[in-house]
Amino acid sequence: MLLGSLVFGNLSDRYGRKTIYTYDLALTAVFLLLTGLSHNFYEFFAFQALAGVGIGADYPISSSIQAEFSPLRSRGGRFLVFNIFSWTIGSIIFYAISIPIVLFTGSLAWRVMYFTGA
């Protein structure tokens, strides 16, 4: 995640946040999907690490885009706090979704969860 935030944060300043954010989301989705399709530990580790690069890129880019398009007086308080808090909300929602996934898919649950994340 550190690598993704450093590399993609700088690239977004150079080539545009919206463009790099699109690549970031695609990179994350592809490697989460490949993680769910992995056949051994080495594939799992490599795909998960590359998905982590995409997730790390999301932090600085999404906050910058949020700041750019938010009204000046609400920028730092309401909108950026909500942007950061959205990660927590998403984690709670995904936890709630994971319970029926585990109940209905059994040992394949981890794969289904990666597909859902992708």
PDB file of N, CA and C in Angstrom:
ATOM      1  N   MET A   1       0.830  -1.190   0.000  1.00  0.00           N
ATOM      2  CA  MET A   1       0.000   0.000   0.000  1.00  0.00           C
ATOM      3  C   MET A   1       0.873   1.252   0.000  1.00  0.00           C
ATOM      4  N   LEU A   2       1.992   1.197   0.706  1.00  0.00           N
ATOM      5  CA  LEU A   2       2.901   2.342   0.728  1.00  0.00           C
ATOM      6  C   LEU A   2       3.414   2.642  -0.676  1.00  0.00           C
ATOM      7  N   LEU A   3       3.808   1.598  -1.377  1.00  0.00           N
ATOM      8  CA  LEU A   3       4.307   1.760  -2.747  1.00  0.00           C
ATOM      9  C   LEU A   3       3.232   2.375  -3.649  1.00  0.00           C
ATOM     10  N   GLY A   4       2.004   1.885  -3.544  1.00  0.00           N
ATOM     11  CA  GLY A   4       0.914   2.413  -4.365  1.00  0.00           C
ATOM     12  C   GLY A   4       0.620   3.870  -4.085  1.00  0.00           C
ATOM     13  N   SER A   5       0.635   4.247  -2.807  1.00  0.00           N
ATOM     14  CA  SER A   5       0.333   5.641  -2.484  1.00  0.00           C
ATOM     15  C   SER A   5       1.435   6.573  -2.963  1.00  0.00           C
ATOM     16  N   LEU A   6       2.677   6.144  -2.845  1.00  0.00           N
ATOM     17  CA  LEU A   6       3.785   6.995  -3.301  1.00  0.00           C
ATOM     18  C   LEU A   6       3.825   7.119  -4.823  1.00  0.00           C
ATOM     19  N   VAL A   7       3.754   5.992  -5.498  1.00  0.00           N
ATOM     20  CA  VAL A   7       3.883   5.998  -6.962  1.00  0.00           C
ATOM     21  C   VAL A   7       2.661   6.637  -7.621  1.00  0.00           C
ATOM     22  N   PHE A   8       1.471   6.148  -7.286  1.00  0.00           N
ATOM     23  CA  PHE A   8       0.273   6.647  -7.953  1.00  0.00           C
ATOM     24  C   PHE A   8      -0.103   8.052  -7.505  1.00  0.00           C
ATOM     25  N   GLY A   9       0.235   8.419  -6.276  1.00  0.00           N
ATOM     26  CA  GLY A   9      -0.001   9.795  -5.838  1.00  0.00           C
ATOM     27  C   GLY A   9       0.773  10.779  -6.694  1.00  0.00           C
ATOM     28  N   ASN A  10       2.042  10.465  -6.961  1.00  0.00           N
ATOM     29  CA  ASN A  10       2.859  11.326  -7.822  1.00  0.00           C
ATOM     30  C   ASN A  10       2.386  11.296  -9.273  1.00  0.00           C
ATOM     31  N   LEU A  11       2.012  10.110  -9.758  1.00  0.00           N
ATOM     32  CA  LEU A  11       1.515  10.020 -11.136  1.00  0.00           C
ATOM     33  C   LEU A  11       0.223  10.812 -11.319  1.00  0.00           C
ATOM     34  N   SER A  12      -0.620  10.812 -10.298  1.00  0.00           N
ATOM     35  CA  SER A  12      -1.884  11.550 -10.415  1.00  0.00           C
ATOM     36  C   SER A  12      -1.649  13.049 -10.475  1.00  0.00           C
ATOM     37  N   ASP A  13      -0.613  13.531  -9.800  1.00  0.00           N
ATOM     38  CA  ASP A  13      -0.271  14.952  -9.901  1.00  0.00           C
ATOM     39  C   ASP A  13       0.234  15.288 -11.292  1.00  0.00           C
ATOM     40  N   ARG A  14       0.929  14.355 -11.899  1.00  0.00           N
ATOM     41  CA  ARG A  14       1.534  14.590 -13.205  1.00  0.00           C
ATOM     42  C   ARG A  14       0.547  14.390 -14.359  1.00  0.00           C
ATOM     43  N   TYR A  15      -0.284  13.338 -14.303  1.00  0.00           N
ATOM     44  CA  TYR A  15      -1.126  12.979 -15.444  1.00  0.00           C
ATOM     45  C   TYR A  15      -2.620  13.188 -15.220  1.00  0.00           C
ATOM     46  N   GLY A  16      -2.985  13.656 -14.071  1.00  0.00           N
ATOM     47  CA  GLY A  16      -4.398  13.918 -13.804  1.00  0.00           C
ATOM     48  C   GLY A  16      -4.991  12.889 -12.864  1.00  0.00           C
ATOM     49  N   ARG A  17      -5.690  13.381 -11.873  1.00  0.00           N
ATOM     50  CA  ARG A  17      -6.230  12.501 -10.840  1.00  0.00           C
ATOM     51  C   ARG A  17      -7.312  11.567 -11.367  1.00  0.00           C
ATOM     52  N   LYS A  18      -8.199  12.082 -12.187  1.00  0.00           N
ATOM     53  CA  LYS A  18      -9.289  11.237 -12.699  1.00  0.00           C
ATOM     54  C   LYS A  18      -8.750  10.086 -13.542  1.00  0.00           C
ATOM     55  N   THR A  19      -7.790  10.372 -14.392  1.00  0.00           N
ATOM     56  CA  THR A  19      -7.211   9.344 -15.261  1.00  0.00           C
ATOM     57  C   THR A  19      -6.515   8.261 -14.439  1.00  0.00           C
ATOM     58  N   ILE A  20      -5.661   8.667 -13.524  1.00  0.00           N
ATOM     59  CA  ILE A  20      -4.915   7.704 -12.718  1.00  0.00           C
ATOM     60  C   ILE A  20      -5.850   6.970 -11.767  1.00  0.00           C
ATOM     61  N   TYR A  21      -6.887   7.641 -11.286  1.00  0.00           N
ATOM     62  CA  TYR A  21      -7.857   6.983 -10.405  1.00  0.00           C
ATOM     63  C   TYR A  21      -8.587   5.863 -11.141  1.00  0.00           C
ATOM     64  N   THR A  22      -8.885   6.077 -12.411  1.00  0.00           N
ATOM     65  CA  THR A  22      -9.516   5.026 -13.219  1.00  0.00           C
ATOM     66  C   THR A  22      -8.590   3.823 -13.335  1.00  0.00           C
ATOM     67  N   TYR A  23      -7.310   4.069 -13.614  1.00  0.00           N
ATOM     68  CA  TYR A  23      -6.342   2.971 -13.693  1.00  0.00           C
ATOM     69  C   TYR A  23      -6.182   2.285 -12.335  1.00  0.00           C
ATOM     70  N   ASP A  24      -6.207   3.078 -11.274  1.00  0.00           N
ATOM     71  CA  ASP A  24      -6.088   2.539  -9.929  1.00  0.00           C
ATOM     72  C   ASP A  24      -7.233   1.579  -9.616  1.00  0.00           C
ATOM     73  N   LEU A  25      -8.446   1.981  -9.915  1.00  0.00           N
ATOM     74  CA  LEU A  25      -9.597   1.120  -9.654  1.00  0.00           C
ATOM     75  C   LEU A  25      -9.556  -0.145 -10.509  1.00  0.00           C
ATOM     76  N   ALA A  26      -9.148  -0.005 -11.767  1.00  0.00           N
ATOM     77  CA  ALA A  26      -9.041  -1.175 -12.644  1.00  0.00           C
ATOM     78  C   ALA A  26      -7.960  -2.128 -12.139  1.00  0.00           C
ATOM     79  N   LEU A  27      -6.821  -1.590 -11.739  1.00  0.00           N
ATOM     80  CA  LEU A  27      -5.727  -2.406 -11.209  1.00  0.00           C
ATOM     81  C   LEU A  27      -6.184  -3.176  -9.977  1.00  0.00           C
ATOM     82  N   THR A  28      -6.849  -2.490  -9.075  1.00  0.00           N
ATOM     83  CA  THR A  28      -7.333  -3.137  -7.855  1.00  0.00           C
ATOM     84  C   THR A  28      -8.329  -4.240  -8.190  1.00  0.00           C
ATOM     85  N   ALA A  29      -9.295  -3.954  -9.045  1.00  0.00           N
ATOM     86  CA  ALA A  29     -10.323  -4.943  -9.389  1.00  0.00           C
ATOM     87  C   ALA A  29      -9.716  -6.166 -10.065  1.00  0.00           C
ATOM     88  N   VAL A  30      -8.804  -5.960 -10.995  1.00  0.00           N
ATOM     89  CA  VAL A  30      -8.195  -7.088 -11.709  1.00  0.00           C
ATOM     90  C   VAL A  30      -7.420  -7.979 -10.749  1.00  0.00           C
ATOM     91  N   PHE A  31      -6.624  -7.385  -9.871  1.00  0.00           N
ATOM     92  CA  PHE A  31      -5.811  -8.214  -8.984  1.00  0.00           C
ATOM     93  C   PHE A  31      -6.616  -8.823  -7.846  1.00  0.00           C
ATOM     94  N   LEU A  32      -7.729  -8.209  -7.439  1.00  0.00           N
ATOM     95  CA  LEU A  32      -8.612  -8.875  -6.487  1.00  0.00           C
ATOM     96  C   LEU A  32      -9.283 -10.080  -7.139  1.00  0.00           C
ATOM     97  N   LEU A  33      -9.680  -9.928  -8.387  1.00  0.00           N
ATOM     98  CA  LEU A  33     -10.260 -11.048  -9.121  1.00  0.00           C
ATOM     99  C   LEU A  33      -9.242 -12.177  -9.273  1.00  0.00           C
ATOM    100  N   LEU A  34      -8.021 -11.835  -9.652  1.00  0.00           N
ATOM    101  CA  LEU A  34      -6.977 -12.850  -9.806  1.00  0.00           C
ATOM    102  C   LEU A  34      -6.628 -13.507  -8.470  1.00  0.00           C
ATOM    103  N   THR A  35      -6.703 -12.746  -7.372  1.00  0.00           N
ATOM    104  CA  THR A  35      -6.470 -13.330  -6.055  1.00  0.00           C
ATOM    105  C   THR A  35      -7.503 -14.416  -5.780  1.00  0.00           C
ATOM    106  N   GLY A  36      -8.751 -14.136  -6.118  1.00  0.00           N
ATOM    107  CA  GLY A  36      -9.799 -15.130  -5.928  1.00  0.00           C
ATOM    108  C   GLY A  36      -9.637 -16.351  -6.809  1.00  0.00           C
ATOM    109  N   LEU A  37      -8.926 -16.216  -7.908  1.00  0.00           N
ATOM    110  CA  LEU A  37      -8.693 -17.329  -8.828  1.00  0.00           C
ATOM    111  C   LEU A  37      -7.363 -18.044  -8.578  1.00  0.00           C
ATOM    112  N   SER A  38      -6.586 -17.584  -7.616  1.00  0.00           N
ATOM    113  CA  SER A  38      -5.251 -18.135  -7.392  1.00  0.00           C
ATOM    114  C   SER A  38      -5.318 -19.613  -6.999  1.00  0.00           C
ATOM    115  N   HIS A  39      -4.269 -20.355  -7.394  1.00  0.00           N
ATOM    116  CA  HIS A  39      -4.230 -21.797  -7.175  1.00  0.00           C
ATOM    117  C   HIS A  39      -3.232 -22.222  -6.109  1.00  0.00           C
ATOM    118  N   ASN A  40      -2.338 -21.316  -5.740  1.00  0.00           N
ATOM    119  CA  ASN A  40      -1.353 -21.670  -4.717  1.00  0.00           C
ATOM    120  C   ASN A  40      -0.959 -20.413  -3.942  1.00  0.00           C
ATOM    121  N   PHE A  41      -0.139 -20.620  -2.922  1.00  0.00           N
ATOM    122  CA  PHE A  41       0.248 -19.514  -2.063  1.00  0.00           C
ATOM    123  C   PHE A  41       0.995 -18.431  -2.826  1.00  0.00           C
ATOM    124  N   TYR A  42       1.857 -18.793  -3.745  1.00  0.00           N
ATOM    125  CA  TYR A  42       2.680 -17.810  -4.451  1.00  0.00           C
ATOM    126  C   TYR A  42       1.828 -16.899  -5.337  1.00  0.00           C
ATOM    127  N   GLU A  43       0.882 -17.485  -6.036  1.00  0.00           N
ATOM    128  CA  GLU A  43      -0.043 -16.666  -6.828  1.00  0.00           C
ATOM    129  C   GLU A  43      -0.859 -15.763  -5.904  1.00  0.00           C
ATOM    130  N   PHE A  44      -1.385 -16.339  -4.841  1.00  0.00           N
ATOM    131  CA  PHE A  44      -2.177 -15.573  -3.893  1.00  0.00           C
ATOM    132  C   PHE A  44      -1.374 -14.384  -3.362  1.00  0.00           C
ATOM    133  N   PHE A  45      -0.152 -14.635  -2.934  1.00  0.00           N
ATOM    134  CA  PHE A  45       0.690 -13.579  -2.371  1.00  0.00           C
ATOM    135  C   PHE A  45       0.975 -12.478  -3.390  1.00  0.00           C
ATOM    136  N   ALA A  46       1.353 -12.870  -4.603  1.00  0.00           N
ATOM    137  CA  ALA A  46       1.684 -11.883  -5.643  1.00  0.00           C
ATOM    138  C   ALA A  46       0.462 -11.042  -6.017  1.00  0.00           C
ATOM    139  N   PHE A  47      -0.674 -11.691  -6.240  1.00  0.00           N
ATOM    140  CA  PHE A  47      -1.878 -10.951  -6.624  1.00  0.00           C
ATOM    141  C   PHE A  47      -2.374 -10.064  -5.486  1.00  0.00           C
ATOM    142  N   GLN A  48      -2.273 -10.558  -4.255  1.00  0.00           N
ATOM    143  CA  GLN A  48      -2.710  -9.758  -3.114  1.00  0.00           C
ATOM    144  C   GLN A  48      -1.804  -8.546  -2.925  1.00  0.00           C
ATOM    145  N   ALA A  49      -0.503  -8.723  -3.124  1.00  0.00           N
ATOM    146  CA  ALA A  49       0.431  -7.602  -3.014  1.00  0.00           C
ATOM    147  C   ALA A  49       0.132  -6.550  -4.085  1.00  0.00           C
ATOM    148  N   LEU A  50      -0.154  -6.989  -5.302  1.00  0.00           N
ATOM    149  CA  LEU A  50      -0.464  -6.041  -6.376  1.00  0.00           C
ATOM    150  C   LEU A  50      -1.820  -5.367  -6.158  1.00  0.00           C
ATOM    151  N   ALA A  51      -2.781  -6.079  -5.601  1.00  0.00           N
ATOM    152  CA  ALA A  51      -4.052  -5.451  -5.236  1.00  0.00           C
ATOM    153  C   ALA A  51      -3.811  -4.407  -4.146  1.00  0.00           C
ATOM    154  N   GLY A  52      -2.897  -4.697  -3.235  1.00  0.00           N
ATOM    155  CA  GLY A  52      -2.542  -3.741  -2.184  1.00  0.00           C
ATOM    156  C   GLY A  52      -1.941  -2.459  -2.738  1.00  0.00           C
ATOM    157  N   VAL A  53      -1.190  -2.569  -3.833  1.00  0.00           N
ATOM    158  CA  VAL A  53      -0.657  -1.368  -4.492  1.00  0.00           C
ATOM    159  C   VAL A  53      -1.813  -0.492  -4.974  1.00  0.00           C
ATOM    160  N   GLY A  54      -2.811  -1.113  -5.577  1.00  0.00           N
ATOM    161  CA  GLY A  54      -3.982  -0.362  -6.044  1.00  0.00           C
ATOM    162  C   GLY A  54      -4.769   0.246  -4.899  1.00  0.00           C
ATOM    163  N   ILE A  55      -4.936  -0.505  -3.815  1.00  0.00           N
ATOM    164  CA  ILE A  55      -5.664   0.013  -2.656  1.00  0.00           C
ATOM    165  C   ILE A  55      -4.902   1.178  -2.040  1.00  0.00           C
ATOM    166  N   GLY A  56      -3.584   1.047  -1.958  1.00  0.00           N
ATOM    167  CA  GLY A  56      -2.763   2.143  -1.432  1.00  0.00           C
ATOM    168  C   GLY A  56      -2.842   3.390  -2.285  1.00  0.00           C
ATOM    169  N   ALA A  57      -2.994   3.219  -3.584  1.00  0.00           N
ATOM    170  CA  ALA A  57      -3.112   4.368  -4.481  1.00  0.00           C
ATOM    171  C   ALA A  57      -4.414   5.112  -4.256  1.00  0.00           C
ATOM    172  N   ASP A  58      -5.430   4.395  -3.808  1.00  0.00           N
ATOM    173  CA  ASP A  58      -6.737   5.005  -3.620  1.00  0.00           C
ATOM    174  C   ASP A  58      -6.740   6.074  -2.538  1.00  0.00           C
ATOM    175  N   TYR A  59      -5.968   5.882  -1.490  1.00  0.00           N
ATOM    176  CA  TYR A  59      -5.986   6.821  -0.368  1.00  0.00           C
ATOM    177  C   TYR A  59      -5.648   8.254  -0.781  1.00  0.00           C
ATOM    178  N   PRO A  60      -4.481   8.519  -1.364  1.00  0.00           N
ATOM    179  CA  PRO A  60      -4.180   9.922  -1.694  1.00  0.00           C
ATOM    180  C   PRO A  60      -5.008  10.455  -2.861  1.00  0.00           C
ATOM    181  N   ILE A  61      -5.318   9.592  -3.835  1.00  0.00           N
ATOM    182  CA  ILE A  61      -6.036  10.077  -5.016  1.00  0.00           C
ATOM    183  C   ILE A  61      -7.481  10.418  -4.669  1.00  0.00           C
ATOM    184  N   SER A  62      -8.166   9.549  -3.946  1.00  0.00           N
ATOM    185  CA  SER A  62      -9.569   9.832  -3.627  1.00  0.00           C
ATOM    186  C   SER A  62      -9.706  11.055  -2.735  1.00  0.00           C
ATOM    187  N   SER A  63      -8.793  11.219  -1.788  1.00  0.00           N
ATOM    188  CA  SER A  63      -8.846  12.405  -0.928  1.00  0.00           C
ATOM    189  C   SER A  63      -8.582  13.679  -1.731  1.00  0.00           C
ATOM    190  N   SER A  64      -7.663  13.612  -2.674  1.00  0.00           N
ATOM    191  CA  SER A  64      -7.366  14.788  -3.509  1.00  0.00           C
ATOM    192  C   SER A  64      -8.539  15.143  -4.411  1.00  0.00           C
ATOM    193  N   ILE A  65      -9.160  14.133  -5.016  1.00  0.00           N
ATOM    194  CA  ILE A  65     -10.327  14.386  -5.863  1.00  0.00           C
ATOM    195  C   ILE A  65     -11.463  14.958  -5.030  1.00  0.00           C
ATOM    196  N   GLN A  66     -11.670  14.402  -3.851  1.00  0.00           N
ATOM    197  CA  GLN A  66     -12.719  14.905  -2.956  1.00  0.00           C
ATOM    198  C   GLN A  66     -12.467  16.368  -2.604  1.00  0.00           C
ATOM    199  N   ALA A  67     -11.223  16.711  -2.303  1.00  0.00           N
ATOM    200  CA  ALA A  67     -10.889  18.090  -1.950  1.00  0.00           C
ATOM    201  C   ALA A  67     -11.078  19.033  -3.138  1.00  0.00           C
ATOM    202  N   GLU A  68     -10.723  18.563  -4.328  1.00  0.00           N
ATOM    203  CA  GLU A  68     -10.852  19.409  -5.519  1.00  0.00           C
ATOM    204  C   GLU A  68     -12.293  19.793  -5.820  1.00  0.00           C
ATOM    205  N   PHE A  69     -13.208  18.866  -5.639  1.00  0.00           N
ATOM    206  CA  PHE A  69     -14.586  19.086  -6.060  1.00  0.00           C
ATOM    207  C   PHE A  69     -15.534  19.429  -4.917  1.00  0.00           C
ATOM    208  N   SER A  70     -15.012  19.606  -3.724  1.00  0.00           N
ATOM    209  CA  SER A  70     -15.850  19.993  -2.586  1.00  0.00           C
ATOM    210  C   SER A  70     -15.904  21.502  -2.474  1.00  0.00           C
ATOM    211  N   PRO A  71     -17.021  22.040  -1.981  1.00  0.00           N
ATOM    212  CA  PRO A  71     -17.084  23.478  -1.732  1.00  0.00           C
ATOM    213  C   PRO A  71     -16.011  23.881  -0.718  1.00  0.00           C
ATOM    214  N   LEU A  72     -15.450  25.047  -0.881  1.00  0.00           N
ATOM    215  CA  LEU A  72     -14.321  25.485  -0.076  1.00  0.00           C
ATOM    216  C   LEU A  72     -14.616  25.435   1.421  1.00  0.00           C
ATOM    217  N   ARG A  73     -15.781  25.889   1.841  1.00  0.00           N
ATOM    218  CA  ARG A  73     -16.016  25.941   3.293  1.00  0.00           C
ATOM    219  C   ARG A  73     -16.336  24.574   3.894  1.00  0.00           C
ATOM    220  N   SER A  74     -16.707  23.579   3.087  1.00  0.00           N
ATOM    221  CA  SER A  74     -16.991  22.243   3.614  1.00  0.00           C
ATOM    222  C   SER A  74     -15.862  21.259   3.348  1.00  0.00           C
ATOM    223  N   ARG A  75     -14.847  21.697   2.652  1.00  0.00           N
ATOM    224  CA  ARG A  75     -13.804  20.803   2.147  1.00  0.00           C
ATOM    225  C   ARG A  75     -13.098  20.019   3.249  1.00  0.00           C
ATOM    226  N   GLY A  76     -12.535  20.684   4.205  1.00  0.00           N
ATOM    227  CA  GLY A  76     -11.729  20.003   5.212  1.00  0.00           C
ATOM    228  C   GLY A  76     -12.554  19.296   6.259  1.00  0.00           C
ATOM    229  N   GLY A  77     -13.670  19.856   6.591  1.00  0.00           N
ATOM    230  CA  GLY A  77     -14.454  19.285   7.675  1.00  0.00           C
ATOM    231  C   GLY A  77     -15.325  18.142   7.239  1.00  0.00           C
ATOM    232  N   ARG A  78     -16.408  18.469   6.660  1.00  0.00           N
ATOM    233  CA  ARG A  78     -17.442  17.473   6.397  1.00  0.00           C
ATOM    234  C   ARG A  78     -17.054  16.456   5.334  1.00  0.00           C
ATOM    235  N   PHE A  79     -16.607  16.899   4.174  1.00  0.00           N
ATOM    236  CA  PHE A  79     -16.418  15.987   3.053  1.00  0.00           C
ATOM    237  C   PHE A  79     -15.184  15.098   3.185  1.00  0.00           C
ATOM    238  N   LEU A  80     -14.050  15.649   3.578  1.00  0.00           N
ATOM    239  CA  LEU A  80     -12.862  14.807   3.700  1.00  0.00           C
ATOM    240  C   LEU A  80     -12.977  13.824   4.857  1.00  0.00           C
ATOM    241  N   VAL A  81     -13.603  14.246   5.940  1.00  0.00           N
ATOM    242  CA  VAL A  81     -13.819  13.322   7.055  1.00  0.00           C
ATOM    243  C   VAL A  81     -14.734  12.189   6.603  1.00  0.00           C
ATOM    244  N   PHE A  82     -15.791  12.510   5.868  1.00  0.00           N
ATOM    245  CA  PHE A  82     -16.688  11.467   5.367  1.00  0.00           C
ATOM    246  C   PHE A  82     -15.967  10.534   4.398  1.00  0.00           C
ATOM    247  N   ASN A  83     -15.090  11.083   3.567  1.00  0.00           N
ATOM    248  CA  ASN A  83     -14.324  10.270   2.625  1.00  0.00           C
ATOM    249  C   ASN A  83     -13.481   9.246   3.372  1.00  0.00           C
ATOM    250  N   ILE A  84     -12.789   9.667   4.394  1.00  0.00           N
ATOM    251  CA  ILE A  84     -11.946   8.753   5.165  1.00  0.00           C
ATOM    252  C   ILE A  84     -12.811   7.778   5.963  1.00  0.00           C
ATOM    253  N   PHE A  85     -13.911   8.261   6.522  1.00  0.00           N
ATOM    254  CA  PHE A  85     -14.803   7.418   7.311  1.00  0.00           C
ATOM    255  C   PHE A  85     -15.518   6.388   6.433  1.00  0.00           C
ATOM    256  N   SER A  86     -15.614   6.645   5.146  1.00  0.00           N
ATOM    257  CA  SER A  86     -16.269   5.709   4.233  1.00  0.00           C
ATOM    258  C   SER A  86     -15.566   4.361   4.207  1.00  0.00           C
ATOM    259  N   TRP A  87     -14.248   4.332   4.424  1.00  0.00           N
ATOM    260  CA  TRP A  87     -13.530   3.063   4.488  1.00  0.00           C
ATOM    261  C   TRP A  87     -14.069   2.224   5.645  1.00  0.00           C
ATOM    262  N   THR A  88     -14.331   2.862   6.777  1.00  0.00           N
ATOM    263  CA  THR A  88     -14.871   2.143   7.940  1.00  0.00           C
ATOM    264  C   THR A  88     -16.287   1.654   7.658  1.00  0.00           C
ATOM    265  N   ILE A  89     -17.096   2.509   7.069  1.00  0.00           N
ATOM    266  CA  ILE A  89     -18.470   2.119   6.729  1.00  0.00           C
ATOM    267  C   ILE A  89     -18.451   0.932   5.758  1.00  0.00           C
ATOM    268  N   GLY A  90     -17.598   1.001   4.752  1.00  0.00           N
ATOM    269  CA  GLY A  90     -17.476  -0.091   3.787  1.00  0.00           C
ATOM    270  C   GLY A  90     -17.038  -1.386   4.436  1.00  0.00           C
ATOM    271  N   SER A  91     -16.135  -1.311   5.387  1.00  0.00           N
ATOM    272  CA  SER A  91     -15.686  -2.517   6.095  1.00  0.00           C
ATOM    273  C   SER A  91     -16.821  -3.143   6.889  1.00  0.00           C
ATOM    274  N   ILE A  92     -17.615  -2.320   7.540  1.00  0.00           N
ATOM    275  CA  ILE A  92     -18.746  -2.832   8.317  1.00  0.00           C
ATOM    276  C   ILE A  92     -19.779  -3.473   7.397  1.00  0.00           C
ATOM    277  N   ILE A  93     -20.066  -2.823   6.268  1.00  0.00           N
ATOM    278  CA  ILE A  93     -21.037  -3.372   5.314  1.00  0.00           C
ATOM    279  C   ILE A  93     -20.522  -4.692   4.735  1.00  0.00           C
ATOM    280  N   PHE A  94     -19.240  -4.733   4.393  1.00  0.00           N
ATOM    281  CA  PHE A  94     -18.694  -5.968   3.837  1.00  0.00           C
ATOM    282  C   PHE A  94     -18.702  -7.092   4.868  1.00  0.00           C
ATOM    283  N   TYR A  95     -18.469  -6.756   6.123  1.00  0.00           N
ATOM    284  CA  TYR A  95     -18.550  -7.775   7.178  1.00  0.00           C
ATOM    285  C   TYR A  95     -19.960  -8.363   7.233  1.00  0.00           C
ATOM    286  N   ALA A  96     -20.961  -7.495   7.146  1.00  0.00           N
ATOM    287  CA  ALA A  96     -22.350  -7.970   7.168  1.00  0.00           C
ATOM    288  C   ALA A  96     -22.653  -8.842   5.941  1.00  0.00           C
ATOM    289  N   ILE A  97     -22.107  -8.477   4.797  1.00  0.00           N
ATOM    290  CA  ILE A  97     -22.308  -9.265   3.581  1.00  0.00           C
ATOM    291  C   ILE A  97     -21.565 -10.598   3.662  1.00  0.00           C
ATOM    292  N   SER A  98     -20.431 -10.609   4.353  1.00  0.00           N
ATOM    293  CA  SER A  98     -19.614 -11.827   4.412  1.00  0.00           C
ATOM    294  C   SER A  98     -20.273 -12.953   5.197  1.00  0.00           C
ATOM    295  N   ILE A  99     -21.126 -12.623   6.138  1.00  0.00           N
ATOM    296  CA  ILE A  99     -21.761 -13.673   6.951  1.00  0.00           C
ATOM    297  C   ILE A  99     -22.594 -14.617   6.078  1.00  0.00           C
ATOM    298  N   PRO A 100     -23.535 -14.128   5.249  1.00  0.00           N
ATOM    299  CA  PRO A 100     -24.251 -15.071   4.388  1.00  0.00           C
ATOM    300  C   PRO A 100     -23.361 -15.731   3.345  1.00  0.00           C
ATOM    301  N   ILE A 101     -22.316 -15.043   2.904  1.00  0.00           N
ATOM    302  CA  ILE A 101     -21.403 -15.659   1.941  1.00  0.00           C
ATOM    303  C   ILE A 101     -20.760 -16.894   2.565  1.00  0.00           C
ATOM    304  N   VAL A 102     -20.290 -16.774   3.792  1.00  0.00           N
ATOM    305  CA  VAL A 102     -19.662 -17.908   4.480  1.00  0.00           C
ATOM    306  C   VAL A 102     -20.690 -19.017   4.703  1.00  0.00           C
ATOM    307  N   LEU A 103     -21.898 -18.649   5.099  1.00  0.00           N
ATOM    308  CA  LEU A 103     -22.922 -19.663   5.379  1.00  0.00           C
ATOM    309  C   LEU A 103     -23.327 -20.446   4.134  1.00  0.00           C
ATOM    310  N   PHE A 104     -23.376 -19.779   2.977  1.00  0.00           N
ATOM    311  CA  PHE A 104     -23.883 -20.435   1.773  1.00  0.00           C
ATOM    312  C   PHE A 104     -22.803 -21.012   0.863  1.00  0.00           C
ATOM    313  N   THR A 105     -21.561 -20.560   0.993  1.00  0.00           N
ATOM    314  CA  THR A 105     -20.532 -21.050   0.068  1.00  0.00           C
ATOM    315  C   THR A 105     -19.460 -21.893   0.757  1.00  0.00           C
ATOM    316  N   GLY A 106     -19.451 -21.956   2.066  1.00  0.00           N
ATOM    317  CA  GLY A 106     -18.524 -22.819   2.793  1.00  0.00           C
ATOM    318  C   GLY A 106     -17.068 -22.530   2.513  1.00  0.00           C
ATOM    319  N   SER A 107     -16.340 -23.551   2.067  1.00  0.00           N
ATOM    320  CA  SER A 107     -14.895 -23.407   1.879  1.00  0.00           C
ATOM    321  C   SER A 107     -14.520 -22.514   0.689  1.00  0.00           C
ATOM    322  N   LEU A 108     -15.475 -22.201  -0.143  1.00  0.00           N
ATOM    323  CA  LEU A 108     -15.206 -21.278  -1.262  1.00  0.00           C
ATOM    324  C   LEU A 108     -15.452 -19.819  -0.882  1.00  0.00           C
ATOM    325  N   ALA A 109     -15.808 -19.579   0.356  1.00  0.00           N
ATOM    326  CA  ALA A 109     -16.191 -18.229   0.791  1.00  0.00           C
ATOM    327  C   ALA A 109     -15.093 -17.202   0.528  1.00  0.00           C
ATOM    328  N   TRP A 110     -13.844 -17.561   0.782  1.00  0.00           N
ATOM    329  CA  TRP A 110     -12.778 -16.582   0.590  1.00  0.00           C
ATOM    330  C   TRP A 110     -12.679 -16.158  -0.872  1.00  0.00           C
ATOM    331  N   ARG A 111     -12.898 -17.075  -1.794  1.00  0.00           N
ATOM    332  CA  ARG A 111     -12.863 -16.724  -3.216  1.00  0.00           C
ATOM    333  C   ARG A 111     -14.034 -15.793  -3.575  1.00  0.00           C
ATOM    334  N   VAL A 112     -15.207 -16.138  -3.100  1.00  0.00           N
ATOM    335  CA  VAL A 112     -16.392 -15.319  -3.374  1.00  0.00           C
ATOM    336  C   VAL A 112     -16.207 -13.914  -2.816  1.00  0.00           C
ATOM    337  N   MET A 113     -15.581 -13.801  -1.641  1.00  0.00           N
ATOM    338  CA  MET A 113     -15.348 -12.476  -1.054  1.00  0.00           C
ATOM    339  C   MET A 113     -14.400 -11.647  -1.893  1.00  0.00           C
ATOM    340  N   TYR A 114     -13.367 -12.265  -2.450  1.00  0.00           N
ATOM    341  CA  TYR A 114     -12.465 -11.522  -3.336  1.00  0.00           C
ATOM    342  C   TYR A 114     -13.184 -11.099  -4.618  1.00  0.00           C
ATOM    343  N   PHE A 115     -14.027 -11.976  -5.154  1.00  0.00           N
ATOM    344  CA  PHE A 115     -14.808 -11.615  -6.342  1.00  0.00           C
ATOM    345  C   PHE A 115     -15.743 -10.455  -6.035  1.00  0.00           C
ATOM    346  N   THR A 116     -16.365 -10.496  -4.858  1.00  0.00           N
ATOM    347  CA  THR A 116     -17.254  -9.405  -4.441  1.00  0.00           C
ATOM    348  C   THR A 116     -16.483  -8.100  -4.307  1.00  0.00           C
ATOM    349  N   GLY A 117     -15.307  -8.158  -3.737  1.00  0.00           N
ATOM    350  CA  GLY A 117     -14.474  -6.961  -3.608  1.00  0.00           C
ATOM    351  C   GLY A 117     -14.042  -6.405  -4.968  1.00  0.00           C
ATOM    352  N   ALA A 118     -13.795  -7.326  -5.899  1.00  0.00           N
ATOM    353  CA  ALA A 118     -13.399  -6.869  -7.241  1.00  0.00           C
ATOM    354  C   ALA A 118     -14.545  -6.166  -7.913  1.00  0.00           C
TER     355      ALA A 118
END
